[in-house]
Amino acid sequence: MVKKETIPAYTHAYEYIRDQILNGELERGTKLTEERLAEEIGISRTPVREAIRKLEQEGLIQNKRVVNPSDMDLRHIFQVRILLEGFAARYCASYMTEEALEKLKSCVEIGRTGTTEEVMTANYEFHQIIVGATNNPMMIDIIDRMQSIIYLFRKTVVYHKRPLLIEEHNDIYLAILQHNGDEAERLMKDHIQKDLEFCLNRMRM
């Protein structure tokens, strides 16, 4: 009989708090109390404290509160994405493998026909494939550490159906397929800028 692996308390706490934030159960601006969370999860305060510290590093918590980003915070996050993912798209136009190109194409197709959750996953994978194809560990690490906060805004553009989102993915894919680095970079930067503007408008509603 295979012994069931026990999830460490810190990991359990991290996933529990992260998922509550990403699902909207812990609303933006909510103050987090270690004692209450520890009681909810059924563990001691120490792993809860460690989980909160990690979520602070990922940008989901600030000063023990669920992040409630300002317009400027949002602009800073997207500026980093524009710089890194713009470069990544240019790089891919020269070096992306056939296998990765097929995966990109699949993401576009799912974006057109999938359920909302499938589109969310395809959107995430589309950008991850492009960043991952650079094989640049520092770039990949920076984007990975931003994933949780990016997820919140990805929900905004997908769930509220930002116009032309998938068409823009398709245009980026075609520019990479045609080895047009200038166009791939321009399209990616424009795509992320439009995501930013859409999110800013939703925040002001």
C-alpha atoms as a PDB file:
ATOM      1  CA  MET A   1       0.000   0.000   0.000  1.00  0.00           C
ATOM      2  CA  VAL A   2       1.397   3.394  -1.039  1.00  0.00           C
ATOM      3  CA  LYS A   3       1.636   5.840   1.833  1.00  0.00           C
ATOM      4  CA  LYS A   4      -0.251   9.062   1.131  1.00  0.00           C
ATOM      5  CA  GLU A   5       2.132  12.005   1.008  1.00  0.00           C
ATOM      6  CA  THR A   6       1.410  14.697   3.592  1.00  0.00           C
ATOM      7  CA  ILE A   7       1.362  18.282   2.338  1.00  0.00           C
ATOM      8  CA  PRO A   8       3.583  20.534   4.511  1.00  0.00           C
ATOM      9  CA  ALA A   9       1.596  22.995   6.643  1.00  0.00           C
ATOM     10  CA  TYR A  10       3.327  25.981   4.997  1.00  0.00           C
ATOM     11  CA  THR A  11       2.361  24.774   1.496  1.00  0.00           C
ATOM     12  CA  HIS A  12      -1.203  24.123   2.597  1.00  0.00           C
ATOM     13  CA  ALA A  13      -1.455  27.615   4.105  1.00  0.00           C
ATOM     14  CA  TYR A  14       0.083  29.258   1.042  1.00  0.00           C
ATOM     15  CA  GLU A  15      -2.284  27.507  -1.380  1.00  0.00           C
ATOM     16  CA  TYR A  16      -5.329  28.135   0.823  1.00  0.00           C
ATOM     17  CA  ILE A  17      -4.707  31.896   1.152  1.00  0.00           C
ATOM     18  CA  ARG A  18      -3.584  32.312  -2.478  1.00  0.00           C
ATOM     19  CA  ASP A  19      -6.656  30.525  -3.840  1.00  0.00           C
ATOM     20  CA  GLN A  20      -9.002  32.574  -1.647  1.00  0.00           C
ATOM     21  CA  ILE A  21      -7.456  35.770  -3.032  1.00  0.00           C
ATOM     22  CA  LEU A  22      -7.507  34.612  -6.663  1.00  0.00           C
ATOM     23  CA  ASN A  23     -11.100  33.354  -6.358  1.00  0.00           C
ATOM     24  CA  GLY A  24     -12.236  36.650  -4.864  1.00  0.00           C
ATOM     25  CA  GLU A  25     -13.221  35.117  -1.507  1.00  0.00           C
ATOM     26  CA  LEU A  26     -10.703  37.426   0.145  1.00  0.00           C
ATOM     27  CA  GLU A  27     -11.514  40.798  -1.411  1.00  0.00           C
ATOM     28  CA  ARG A  28      -8.962  43.474  -2.255  1.00  0.00           C
ATOM     29  CA  GLY A  29      -8.007  45.504   0.792  1.00  0.00           C
ATOM     30  CA  THR A  30      -9.015  42.787   3.289  1.00  0.00           C
ATOM     31  CA  LYS A  31      -6.772  42.723   6.365  1.00  0.00           C
ATOM     32  CA  LEU A  32      -5.342  39.268   7.091  1.00  0.00           C
ATOM     33  CA  THR A  33      -5.141  37.995  10.661  1.00  0.00           C
ATOM     34  CA  GLU A  34      -2.681  35.179  11.324  1.00  0.00           C
ATOM     35  CA  GLU A  35      -4.694  33.834  14.272  1.00  0.00           C
ATOM     36  CA  ARG A  36      -7.948  33.628  12.306  1.00  0.00           C
ATOM     37  CA  LEU A  37      -6.324  32.040   9.260  1.00  0.00           C
ATOM     38  CA  ALA A  38      -4.462  29.516  11.401  1.00  0.00           C
ATOM     39  CA  GLU A  39      -7.736  28.546  13.071  1.00  0.00           C
ATOM     40  CA  GLU A  40      -9.547  28.271   9.705  1.00  0.00           C
ATOM     41  CA  ILE A  41      -6.840  26.073   8.201  1.00  0.00           C
ATOM     42  CA  GLY A  42      -6.258  24.091  11.387  1.00  0.00           C
ATOM     43  CA  ILE A  43      -2.534  24.758  11.749  1.00  0.00           C
ATOM     44  CA  SER A  44      -0.208  26.918  13.866  1.00  0.00           C
ATOM     45  CA  ARG A  45       0.532  30.577  13.132  1.00  0.00           C
ATOM     46  CA  THR A  46       4.130  29.992  11.983  1.00  0.00           C
ATOM     47  CA  PRO A  47       3.345  28.405   8.577  1.00  0.00           C
ATOM     48  CA  VAL A  48       0.612  31.010   8.057  1.00  0.00           C
ATOM     49  CA  ARG A  49       3.163  33.765   8.678  1.00  0.00           C
ATOM     50  CA  GLU A  50       5.564  32.132   6.186  1.00  0.00           C
ATOM     51  CA  ALA A  51       2.781  31.803   3.592  1.00  0.00           C
ATOM     52  CA  ILE A  52       1.847  35.482   3.971  1.00  0.00           C
ATOM     53  CA  ARG A  53       5.512  36.444   3.531  1.00  0.00           C
ATOM     54  CA  LYS A  54       5.714  34.489   0.266  1.00  0.00           C
ATOM     55  CA  LEU A  55       2.463  36.034  -0.998  1.00  0.00           C
ATOM     56  CA  GLU A  56       3.894  39.469  -0.186  1.00  0.00           C
ATOM     57  CA  GLN A  57       6.898  38.621  -2.372  1.00  0.00           C
ATOM     58  CA  GLU A  58       4.514  37.620  -5.174  1.00  0.00           C
ATOM     59  CA  GLY A  59       2.609  40.898  -4.888  1.00  0.00           C
ATOM     60  CA  LEU A  60      -0.736  39.515  -3.709  1.00  0.00           C
ATOM     61  CA  ILE A  61      -0.414  40.917  -0.176  1.00  0.00           C
ATOM     62  CA  GLN A  62       0.878  44.303   0.986  1.00  0.00           C
ATOM     63  CA  ASN A  63       1.204  45.232   4.661  1.00  0.00           C
ATOM     64  CA  LYS A  64      -0.885  42.213   5.723  1.00  0.00           C
ATOM     65  CA  ARG A  65      -3.729  43.237   3.398  1.00  0.00           C
ATOM     66  CA  VAL A  66      -4.902  41.709   0.128  1.00  0.00           C
ATOM     67  CA  VAL A  67      -3.389  43.852  -2.604  1.00  0.00           C
ATOM     68  CA  ASN A  68      -5.536  46.694  -3.883  1.00  0.00           C
ATOM     69  CA  PRO A  69      -3.295  48.062  -6.641  1.00  0.00           C
ATOM     70  CA  SER A  70      -3.417  51.705  -7.633  1.00  0.00           C
ATOM     71  CA  ASP A  71      -3.332  52.838 -11.260  1.00  0.00           C
ATOM     72  CA  MET A  72       0.411  53.437 -10.879  1.00  0.00           C
ATOM     73  CA  ASP A  73       0.998  49.955  -9.404  1.00  0.00           C
ATOM     74  CA  LEU A  74      -0.796  48.457 -12.373  1.00  0.00           C
ATOM     75  CA  ARG A  75       1.214  50.529 -14.842  1.00  0.00           C
ATOM     76  CA  HIS A  76       4.478  49.415 -13.234  1.00  0.00           C
ATOM     77  CA  ILE A  77       3.505  45.731 -13.466  1.00  0.00           C
ATOM     78  CA  PHE A  78       2.515  46.022 -17.103  1.00  0.00           C
ATOM     79  CA  GLN A  79       5.610  48.067 -18.004  1.00  0.00           C
ATOM     80  CA  VAL A  80       7.772  45.134 -16.906  1.00  0.00           C
ATOM     81  CA  ARG A  81       5.642  42.748 -18.956  1.00  0.00           C
ATOM     82  CA  ILE A  82       5.779  44.993 -22.031  1.00  0.00           C
ATOM     83  CA  LEU A  83       9.588  45.144 -21.910  1.00  0.00           C
ATOM     84  CA  LEU A  84      10.200  41.455 -21.226  1.00  0.00           C
ATOM     85  CA  GLU A  85       7.447  39.904 -23.332  1.00  0.00           C
ATOM     86  CA  GLY A  86       8.106  42.278 -26.217  1.00  0.00           C
ATOM     87  CA  PHE A  87      11.698  41.068 -26.306  1.00  0.00           C
ATOM     88  CA  ALA A  88      10.549  37.469 -25.927  1.00  0.00           C
ATOM     89  CA  ALA A  89       8.222  37.728 -28.941  1.00  0.00           C
ATOM     90  CA  ARG A  90      11.057  39.168 -31.063  1.00  0.00           C
ATOM     91  CA  TYR A  91      13.364  36.356 -29.957  1.00  0.00           C
ATOM     92  CA  CYS A  92      10.759  33.712 -30.765  1.00  0.00           C
ATOM     93  CA  ALA A  93      10.449  34.961 -34.334  1.00  0.00           C
ATOM     94  CA  SER A  94      13.998  33.732 -34.901  1.00  0.00           C
ATOM     95  CA  TYR A  95      14.378  30.789 -32.554  1.00  0.00           C
ATOM     96  CA  MET A  96      11.027  29.217 -31.639  1.00  0.00           C
ATOM     97  CA  THR A  97      10.813  25.487 -32.326  1.00  0.00           C
ATOM     98  CA  GLU A  98       8.141  23.853 -34.478  1.00  0.00           C
ATOM     99  CA  GLU A  99       6.746  22.120 -31.406  1.00  0.00           C
ATOM    100  CA  ALA A 100       6.337  25.420 -29.541  1.00  0.00           C
ATOM    101  CA  LEU A 101       4.737  27.007 -32.616  1.00  0.00           C
ATOM    102  CA  GLU A 102       2.157  24.220 -32.691  1.00  0.00           C
ATOM    103  CA  LYS A 103       1.392  24.819 -29.016  1.00  0.00           C
ATOM    104  CA  LEU A 104       0.933  28.536 -29.693  1.00  0.00           C
ATOM    105  CA  LYS A 105      -1.465  27.763 -32.520  1.00  0.00           C
ATOM    106  CA  SER A 106      -3.428  25.455 -30.238  1.00  0.00           C
ATOM    107  CA  CYS A 107      -3.721  28.212 -27.622  1.00  0.00           C
ATOM    108  CA  VAL A 108      -5.226  30.528 -30.246  1.00  0.00           C
ATOM    109  CA  GLU A 109      -7.729  27.882 -31.340  1.00  0.00           C
ATOM    110  CA  ILE A 110      -8.797  27.163 -27.752  1.00  0.00           C
ATOM    111  CA  GLY A 111      -9.131  30.900 -27.194  1.00  0.00           C
ATOM    112  CA  ARG A 112     -11.710  31.022 -29.981  1.00  0.00           C
ATOM    113  CA  THR A 113     -13.797  27.985 -29.024  1.00  0.00           C
ATOM    114  CA  GLY A 114     -13.106  27.087 -25.382  1.00  0.00           C
ATOM    115  CA  THR A 115     -15.020  27.674 -22.185  1.00  0.00           C
ATOM    116  CA  THR A 116     -14.054  30.659 -20.025  1.00  0.00           C
ATOM    117  CA  GLU A 117     -11.788  28.481 -17.867  1.00  0.00           C
ATOM    118  CA  GLU A 118     -10.184  26.924 -20.960  1.00  0.00           C
ATOM    119  CA  VAL A 119      -9.585  30.390 -22.416  1.00  0.00           C
ATOM    120  CA  MET A 120      -7.998  31.471 -19.123  1.00  0.00           C
ATOM    121  CA  THR A 121      -5.608  28.514 -19.284  1.00  0.00           C
ATOM    122  CA  ALA A 122      -4.869  29.038 -22.987  1.00  0.00           C
ATOM    123  CA  ASN A 123      -4.172  32.734 -22.374  1.00  0.00           C
ATOM    124  CA  TYR A 124      -1.726  31.867 -19.607  1.00  0.00           C
ATOM    125  CA  GLU A 125      -0.014  29.185 -21.721  1.00  0.00           C
ATOM    126  CA  PHE A 126       0.268  31.452 -24.780  1.00  0.00           C
ATOM    127  CA  HIS A 127       2.345  33.967 -22.846  1.00  0.00           C
ATOM    128  CA  GLN A 128       4.279  31.298 -20.933  1.00  0.00           C
ATOM    129  CA  ILE A 129       5.292  29.493 -24.136  1.00  0.00           C
ATOM    130  CA  ILE A 130       6.706  32.706 -25.577  1.00  0.00           C
ATOM    131  CA  VAL A 131       8.628  33.662 -22.428  1.00  0.00           C
ATOM    132  CA  GLY A 132       9.817  30.078 -21.892  1.00  0.00           C
ATOM    133  CA  ALA A 133      11.116  29.834 -25.462  1.00  0.00           C
ATOM    134  CA  THR A 134      13.771  32.469 -24.685  1.00  0.00           C
ATOM    135  CA  ASN A 135      15.495  29.931 -22.389  1.00  0.00           C
ATOM    136  CA  ASN A 136      16.515  32.952 -20.312  1.00  0.00           C
ATOM    137  CA  PRO A 137      16.278  31.814 -16.661  1.00  0.00           C
ATOM    138  CA  MET A 138      16.297  35.344 -15.214  1.00  0.00           C
ATOM    139  CA  MET A 139      13.483  36.511 -17.485  1.00  0.00           C
ATOM    140  CA  ILE A 140      11.448  33.381 -16.804  1.00  0.00           C
ATOM    141  CA  ASP A 141      11.964  33.795 -13.047  1.00  0.00           C
ATOM    142  CA  ILE A 142      10.823  37.438 -13.058  1.00  0.00           C
ATOM    143  CA  ILE A 143       7.627  36.578 -14.930  1.00  0.00           C
ATOM    144  CA  ASP A 144       7.038  33.504 -12.728  1.00  0.00           C
ATOM    145  CA  ARG A 145       7.225  35.641  -9.584  1.00  0.00           C
ATOM    146  CA  MET A 146       4.606  37.957 -11.092  1.00  0.00           C
ATOM    147  CA  GLN A 147       2.202  35.164 -12.084  1.00  0.00           C
ATOM    148  CA  SER A 148      -0.191  35.458  -9.157  1.00  0.00           C
ATOM    149  CA  ILE A 149      -0.746  39.189  -9.620  1.00  0.00           C
ATOM    150  CA  ILE A 150      -0.910  38.758 -13.416  1.00  0.00           C
ATOM    151  CA  TYR A 151      -3.626  36.138 -12.875  1.00  0.00           C
ATOM    152  CA  LEU A 152      -5.896  38.703 -11.212  1.00  0.00           C
ATOM    153  CA  PHE A 153      -5.718  40.956 -14.249  1.00  0.00           C
ATOM    154  CA  ARG A 154      -5.936  38.062 -16.698  1.00  0.00           C
ATOM    155  CA  LYS A 155      -9.294  37.219 -15.078  1.00  0.00           C
ATOM    156  CA  THR A 156     -10.406  40.783 -15.817  1.00  0.00           C
ATOM    157  CA  VAL A 157      -9.596  40.675 -19.530  1.00  0.00           C
ATOM    158  CA  VAL A 158     -10.963  37.129 -20.044  1.00  0.00           C
ATOM    159  CA  TYR A 159     -14.075  37.173 -17.839  1.00  0.00           C
ATOM    160  CA  HIS A 160     -15.097  40.617 -19.072  1.00  0.00           C
ATOM    161  CA  LYS A 161     -14.309  39.625 -22.672  1.00  0.00           C
ATOM    162  CA  ARG A 162     -11.838  42.267 -23.789  1.00  0.00           C
ATOM    163  CA  PRO A 163     -12.471  42.880 -27.498  1.00  0.00           C
ATOM    164  CA  LEU A 164     -10.028  41.372 -30.020  1.00  0.00           C
ATOM    165  CA  LEU A 165      -8.002  39.552 -27.349  1.00  0.00           C
ATOM    166  CA  ILE A 166      -7.702  36.277 -29.280  1.00  0.00           C
ATOM    167  CA  GLU A 167      -7.312  38.024 -32.640  1.00  0.00           C
ATOM    168  CA  GLU A 168      -4.260  39.777 -31.207  1.00  0.00           C
ATOM    169  CA  HIS A 169      -2.858  36.432 -30.038  1.00  0.00           C
ATOM    170  CA  ASN A 170      -3.329  35.120 -33.560  1.00  0.00           C
ATOM    171  CA  ASP A 171      -1.523  38.115 -35.080  1.00  0.00           C
ATOM    172  CA  ILE A 172       1.412  37.622 -32.692  1.00  0.00           C
ATOM    173  CA  TYR A 173       1.512  33.915 -33.545  1.00  0.00           C
ATOM    174  CA  LEU A 174       1.534  34.692 -37.301  1.00  0.00           C
ATOM    175  CA  ALA A 175       4.340  37.255 -36.935  1.00  0.00           C
ATOM    176  CA  ILE A 176       6.445  34.693 -35.053  1.00  0.00           C
ATOM    177  CA  LEU A 177       5.580  32.006 -37.621  1.00  0.00           C
ATOM    178  CA  GLN A 178       6.696  34.344 -40.438  1.00  0.00           C
ATOM    179  CA  HIS A 179       9.971  35.175 -38.596  1.00  0.00           C
ATOM    180  CA  ASN A 180       9.058  38.864 -38.424  1.00  0.00           C
ATOM    181  CA  GLY A 181      10.726  39.927 -35.189  1.00  0.00           C
ATOM    182  CA  ASP A 182       9.927  43.638 -35.491  1.00  0.00           C
ATOM    183  CA  GLU A 183       6.237  42.936 -35.981  1.00  0.00           C
ATOM    184  CA  ALA A 184       6.081  40.262 -33.269  1.00  0.00           C
ATOM    185  CA  GLU A 185       7.594  42.659 -30.730  1.00  0.00           C
ATOM    186  CA  ARG A 186       5.345  45.550 -31.780  1.00  0.00           C
ATOM    187  CA  LEU A 187       2.214  43.413 -31.628  1.00  0.00           C
ATOM    188  CA  MET A 188       3.079  41.947 -28.221  1.00  0.00           C
ATOM    189  CA  LYS A 189       3.761  45.375 -26.722  1.00  0.00           C
ATOM    190  CA  ASP A 190       0.523  46.727 -28.185  1.00  0.00           C
ATOM    191  CA  HIS A 191      -1.397  43.676 -26.931  1.00  0.00           C
ATOM    192  CA  ILE A 192      -0.209  44.086 -23.329  1.00  0.00           C
ATOM    193  CA  GLN A 193      -0.777  47.858 -23.462  1.00  0.00           C
ATOM    194  CA  LYS A 194      -4.403  47.219 -24.460  1.00  0.00           C
ATOM    195  CA  ASP A 195      -4.738  44.759 -21.551  1.00  0.00           C
ATOM    196  CA  LEU A 196      -3.471  47.533 -19.247  1.00  0.00           C
ATOM    197  CA  GLU A 197      -5.927  50.102 -20.578  1.00  0.00           C
ATOM    198  CA  PHE A 198      -8.823  47.638 -20.278  1.00  0.00           C
ATOM    199  CA  CYS A 199      -7.917  46.788 -16.668  1.00  0.00           C
ATOM    200  CA  LEU A 200      -7.545  50.460 -15.729  1.00  0.00           C
ATOM    201  CA  ASN A 201     -10.975  51.207 -17.168  1.00  0.00           C
ATOM    202  CA  ARG A 202     -12.526  48.277 -15.235  1.00  0.00           C
ATOM    203  CA  MET A 203     -10.898  49.477 -11.990  1.00  0.00           C
ATOM    204  CA  ARG A 204     -12.494  52.918 -12.409  1.00  0.00           C
ATOM    205  CA  MET A 205     -16.006  51.547 -12.954  1.00  0.00           C
END
